């Protein structure tokens, strides 16, 4: 999920796209979106940490295929990290998305 995706999701909440859903469903959707955003944020941080680490520990070499698999592994690490509590930004983002849906943005 990139910045444009988050913007489109925010727009969807602002346009009342989820207005027909009950409060619990909106809260669940908002938290899922916020968790996805947090996992992307964390994955970017992890990728920065691993950028100078050799992909293949046996021969010290790296190629594009190894880097692709590593990126996928880091993305999964980030998702798992968020499931276990993350760094705490998902709750704040979800709360703001709910406020946007209710028309109380700001």
Protein backbone atom coordinates (compact mmCIF):
# COMPACT_ATOMS: atom_id res chain seq x y z
CA UNK A 1 0.00 0.00 0.00
CA UNK A 2 1.52 3.29 -1.05
CA UNK A 3 0.57 6.90 -0.35
CA UNK A 4 -1.91 7.00 -3.23
CA UNK A 5 -3.63 3.89 -1.89
CA UNK A 6 -3.95 5.43 1.55
CA UNK A 7 -5.29 8.60 -0.05
CA UNK A 8 -7.92 6.65 -1.96
CA UNK A 9 -8.92 4.78 1.20
CA UNK A 10 -9.18 8.05 3.11
CA UNK A 11 -11.33 9.41 0.29
CA UNK A 12 -13.55 6.33 0.48
CA UNK A 13 -14.08 6.88 4.20
CA UNK A 14 -14.69 10.61 3.63
CA UNK A 15 -17.19 9.96 0.83
CA UNK A 16 -19.23 7.77 3.16
CA UNK A 17 -18.51 4.69 1.03
CA UNK A 18 -18.90 2.66 4.22
CA UNK A 19 -22.00 4.52 5.43
CA UNK A 20 -24.24 1.46 5.01
CA UNK A 21 -22.11 -0.63 7.35
CA UNK A 22 -22.73 -0.85 11.07
CA UNK A 23 -20.24 0.78 13.45
CA UNK A 24 -18.47 -2.47 14.28
CA UNK A 25 -17.96 -3.30 10.60
CA UNK A 26 -16.62 0.19 9.89
CA UNK A 27 -14.26 -0.07 12.87
CA UNK A 28 -13.07 -3.49 11.69
CA UNK A 29 -12.48 -2.21 8.13
CA UNK A 30 -10.68 0.90 9.43
CA UNK A 31 -8.42 -1.21 11.64
CA UNK A 32 -7.64 -3.61 8.78
CA UNK A 33 -6.70 -0.70 6.49
CA UNK A 34 -4.62 0.93 9.23
CA UNK A 35 -2.82 -2.36 9.95
CA UNK A 36 -2.02 -2.76 6.25
CA UNK A 37 -0.60 0.76 6.20
CA UNK A 38 1.51 0.09 9.31
CA UNK A 39 2.88 -3.14 7.81
CA UNK A 40 3.95 -1.28 4.65
CA UNK A 41 5.61 1.39 6.78
CA UNK A 42 7.44 -1.24 8.84
CA UNK A 43 8.43 -3.24 5.74
CA UNK A 44 10.03 -0.11 4.27
CA UNK A 45 12.00 0.35 7.49
CA UNK A 46 13.06 -3.32 7.50
CA UNK A 47 14.12 -3.14 3.84
CA UNK A 48 16.30 -0.14 4.62
CA UNK A 49 17.93 -2.10 7.44
CA UNK A 50 18.60 -5.10 5.20
CA UNK A 51 19.77 -3.23 2.09
CA UNK A 52 23.49 -3.80 2.76
CA UNK A 53 23.11 -7.32 4.10
CA UNK A 54 24.23 -10.06 1.73
CA UNK A 55 21.26 -12.09 0.48
CA UNK A 56 23.07 -15.41 0.21
CA UNK A 57 25.04 -16.10 3.39
CA UNK A 58 26.81 -19.10 1.80
CA UNK A 59 28.57 -17.31 -1.03
CA UNK A 60 28.09 -13.65 -0.13
CA UNK A 61 26.56 -12.88 -3.51
CA UNK A 62 23.21 -11.47 -4.43
CA UNK A 63 21.12 -11.47 -7.57
CA UNK A 64 17.69 -10.15 -8.49
CA UNK A 65 15.84 -13.37 -7.70
CA UNK A 66 17.24 -13.52 -4.18
CA UNK A 67 16.36 -9.89 -3.59
CA UNK A 68 12.78 -10.50 -4.76
CA UNK A 69 12.35 -13.36 -2.34
CA UNK A 70 13.95 -11.32 0.44
CA UNK A 71 11.52 -8.46 -0.18
CA UNK A 72 8.61 -10.88 0.03
CA UNK A 73 9.99 -12.34 3.25
CA UNK A 74 10.47 -8.88 4.76
CA UNK A 75 6.88 -7.97 3.80
CA UNK A 76 5.68 -11.05 5.67
CA UNK A 77 7.88 -10.24 8.66
CA UNK A 78 6.27 -6.80 8.77
CA UNK A 79 2.73 -8.25 8.64
CA UNK A 80 3.57 -10.66 11.45
CA UNK A 81 5.15 -7.83 13.44
CA UNK A 82 1.94 -5.77 13.13
CA UNK A 83 -0.21 -8.76 14.17
CA UNK A 84 1.84 -8.90 17.37
CA UNK A 85 1.33 -5.22 18.17
CA UNK A 86 3.56 -3.42 15.71
CA UNK A 87 4.82 0.03 16.60
CA UNK A 88 1.42 1.39 17.55
CA UNK A 89 0.38 3.61 14.67
CA UNK A 90 -2.49 1.44 13.36
CA UNK A 91 -4.83 2.31 16.24
CA UNK A 92 -4.36 6.04 15.70
CA UNK A 93 -4.88 5.76 11.95
CA UNK A 94 -7.99 3.61 12.45
CA UNK A 95 -9.41 6.15 14.90
CA UNK A 96 -8.88 8.94 12.38
CA UNK A 97 -10.50 6.93 9.59
CA UNK A 98 -13.53 6.34 11.80
CA UNK A 99 -13.72 10.06 12.58
CA UNK A 100 -13.57 10.80 8.86
CA UNK A 101 -16.42 8.35 8.24
CA UNK A 102 -18.49 9.97 10.99
CA UNK A 103 -17.80 13.42 9.55
CA UNK A 104 -15.64 14.59 12.45
CA UNK A 105 -12.31 14.89 10.63
CA UNK A 106 -9.71 17.16 12.06
